[in-house]
């Protein structure tokens, strides 16, 4: 499983820039991200090397940051490839809470049972990436 940071931010101009600028100044490269937008706030989910340092930098700047885990999978690069991965999960009653692209055909999944999902995907021959592989992308 891959650590993911969840940064809560007000829906104000410049907040996303501020987060990205702080991480860039700290030498932290964003490898994958997703933004969930609500009326008054957003959640910026991101995968970075050195998650602990990134959390520290953002918290020192006043951001609320939590950490969770996602499963990053190399989805088959062909029509229906994502459907194949989703079928494996659905056949075991594993729910996808959300997903987002990381790079090319790499997709981050938040599942209601990450460990079972990893086991099933590996059995089906779907590559599940390790943290080091993500940071080399």
Protein backbone atom coordinates (compact mmCIF):
# COMPACT_ATOMS: atom_id res chain seq x y z
CA UNK A 1 0.00 0.00 0.00
CA UNK A 2 1.10 3.54 -0.74
CA UNK A 3 0.85 6.43 1.73
CA UNK A 4 -1.43 9.24 0.57
CA UNK A 5 -1.69 12.68 2.15
CA UNK A 6 -5.11 14.32 2.50
CA UNK A 7 -4.85 18.09 2.78
CA UNK A 8 -7.98 19.99 3.79
CA UNK A 9 -8.16 23.48 2.33
CA UNK A 10 -10.66 26.30 2.17
CA UNK A 11 -12.08 27.10 -1.25
CA UNK A 12 -10.11 30.32 -1.60
CA UNK A 13 -8.03 31.55 -4.50
CA UNK A 14 -4.40 30.65 -4.14
CA UNK A 15 -4.70 27.84 -1.56
CA UNK A 16 -3.79 25.10 -4.03
CA UNK A 17 -0.86 27.18 -5.26
CA UNK A 18 0.28 27.68 -1.67
CA UNK A 19 0.37 23.93 -1.00
CA UNK A 20 2.20 23.16 -4.23
CA UNK A 21 4.63 26.04 -3.68
CA UNK A 22 5.44 24.91 -0.13
CA UNK A 23 6.11 21.35 -1.29
CA UNK A 24 8.20 22.55 -4.23
CA UNK A 25 10.30 24.79 -1.96
CA UNK A 26 10.90 21.77 0.27
CA UNK A 27 12.09 19.73 -2.75
CA UNK A 28 9.08 17.38 -2.64
CA UNK A 29 7.78 16.19 -6.00
CA UNK A 30 4.08 15.35 -6.34
CA UNK A 31 3.72 11.92 -7.99
CA UNK A 32 -0.07 11.69 -8.08
CA UNK A 33 -3.02 13.80 -6.97
CA UNK A 34 -6.76 14.26 -6.87
CA UNK A 35 -8.95 17.11 -5.73
CA UNK A 36 -12.42 16.64 -4.25
CA UNK A 37 -14.31 19.92 -4.23
CA UNK A 38 -17.08 20.75 -1.77
CA UNK A 39 -18.93 24.04 -1.31
CA UNK A 40 -16.66 25.57 1.32
CA UNK A 41 -13.57 23.39 1.26
CA UNK A 42 -11.67 20.85 -0.78
CA UNK A 43 -9.56 17.79 -0.15
CA UNK A 44 -6.28 17.63 -2.03
CA UNK A 45 -5.14 14.01 -2.03
CA UNK A 46 -1.56 13.47 -3.07
CA UNK A 47 1.18 10.89 -3.30
CA UNK A 48 4.66 12.21 -2.57
CA UNK A 49 8.05 10.80 -1.63
CA UNK A 50 8.89 11.63 1.99
CA UNK A 51 5.30 11.87 3.20
CA UNK A 52 6.44 12.61 6.76
CA UNK A 53 8.44 15.65 5.65
CA UNK A 54 5.57 16.84 3.45
CA UNK A 55 3.14 16.55 6.38
CA UNK A 56 5.49 18.56 8.58
CA UNK A 57 5.93 21.32 5.99
CA UNK A 58 2.19 21.63 5.41
CA UNK A 59 1.24 21.48 9.09
CA UNK A 60 3.80 24.16 9.93
CA UNK A 61 2.06 26.35 7.35
CA UNK A 62 -1.28 25.80 9.10
CA UNK A 63 -2.82 23.12 6.87
CA UNK A 64 -4.76 20.19 8.30
CA UNK A 65 -3.20 17.00 6.92
CA UNK A 66 -4.07 13.36 7.46
CA UNK A 67 -2.57 10.23 5.98
CA UNK A 68 -4.28 7.19 4.48
CA UNK A 69 -3.25 4.36 2.19
CA UNK A 70 -4.09 3.60 -1.42
CA UNK A 71 -3.35 0.70 -3.73
CA UNK A 72 -1.61 1.68 -6.97
CA UNK A 73 -2.12 -0.69 -9.88
CA UNK A 74 -0.73 -0.84 -13.40
CA UNK A 75 -3.99 -1.08 -15.34
CA UNK A 76 -3.75 -3.02 -18.62
CA UNK A 77 -3.24 -0.45 -21.40
CA UNK A 78 -6.04 -1.54 -23.70
CA UNK A 79 -9.73 -0.81 -24.14
CA UNK A 80 -11.55 -2.30 -21.15
CA UNK A 81 -8.38 -2.55 -19.04
CA UNK A 82 -9.83 -0.55 -16.17
CA UNK A 83 -13.06 -2.56 -16.40
CA UNK A 84 -11.00 -5.77 -16.01
CA UNK A 85 -9.47 -4.49 -12.76
CA UNK A 86 -12.85 -3.29 -11.48
CA UNK A 87 -14.43 -6.67 -12.31
CA UNK A 88 -11.84 -8.45 -10.14
CA UNK A 89 -12.69 -6.18 -7.21
CA UNK A 90 -16.45 -6.30 -7.77
CA UNK A 91 -16.44 -10.12 -7.95
CA UNK A 92 -15.10 -10.15 -4.37
CA UNK A 93 -17.53 -7.44 -3.17
CA UNK A 94 -14.71 -4.95 -2.68
CA UNK A 95 -15.93 -1.37 -3.06
CA UNK A 96 -13.89 1.36 -4.71
CA UNK A 97 -14.25 4.47 -2.57
CA UNK A 98 -12.43 6.63 -5.14
CA UNK A 99 -9.64 6.34 -7.69
CA UNK A 100 -7.35 8.63 -9.69
CA UNK A 101 -4.58 8.45 -12.25
CA UNK A 102 -1.01 8.57 -11.03
CA UNK A 103 1.00 8.25 -14.26
CA UNK A 104 0.23 6.82 -17.67
CA UNK A 105 -1.74 3.67 -16.85
CA UNK A 106 -1.07 3.70 -13.10
CA UNK A 107 -4.22 4.20 -11.03
CA UNK A 108 -4.53 4.78 -7.28
CA UNK A 109 -7.50 3.03 -5.65
CA UNK A 110 -8.96 3.55 -2.21
CA UNK A 111 -10.75 0.29 -1.39
CA UNK A 112 -12.87 -0.73 1.55
CA UNK A 113 -10.45 -3.67 2.00
CA UNK A 114 -7.03 -2.77 0.59
CA UNK A 115 -5.29 -5.96 1.70
CA UNK A 116 -7.88 -8.28 0.15
CA UNK A 117 -7.87 -6.17 -3.01
CA UNK A 118 -4.08 -6.42 -3.33
CA UNK A 119 -4.22 -10.19 -2.86
CA UNK A 120 -6.90 -10.63 -5.53
CA UNK A 121 -5.25 -8.31 -8.04
CA UNK A 122 -1.88 -10.01 -7.68
CA UNK A 123 -3.50 -13.44 -8.11
CA UNK A 124 -5.10 -12.16 -11.33
CA UNK A 125 -1.70 -11.01 -12.62
CA UNK A 126 -2.41 -7.29 -12.22
CA UNK A 127 0.81 -5.48 -11.18
CA UNK A 128 0.45 -3.76 -7.81
CA UNK A 129 3.16 -1.14 -7.39
CA UNK A 130 5.36 -0.67 -4.35
CA UNK A 131 6.11 2.77 -2.91
CA UNK A 132 9.64 2.87 -4.37
CA UNK A 133 8.26 2.21 -7.86
CA UNK A 134 5.87 5.15 -7.58
CA UNK A 135 8.65 7.55 -6.62
CA UNK A 136 10.73 6.48 -9.63
CA UNK A 137 7.96 7.35 -12.11
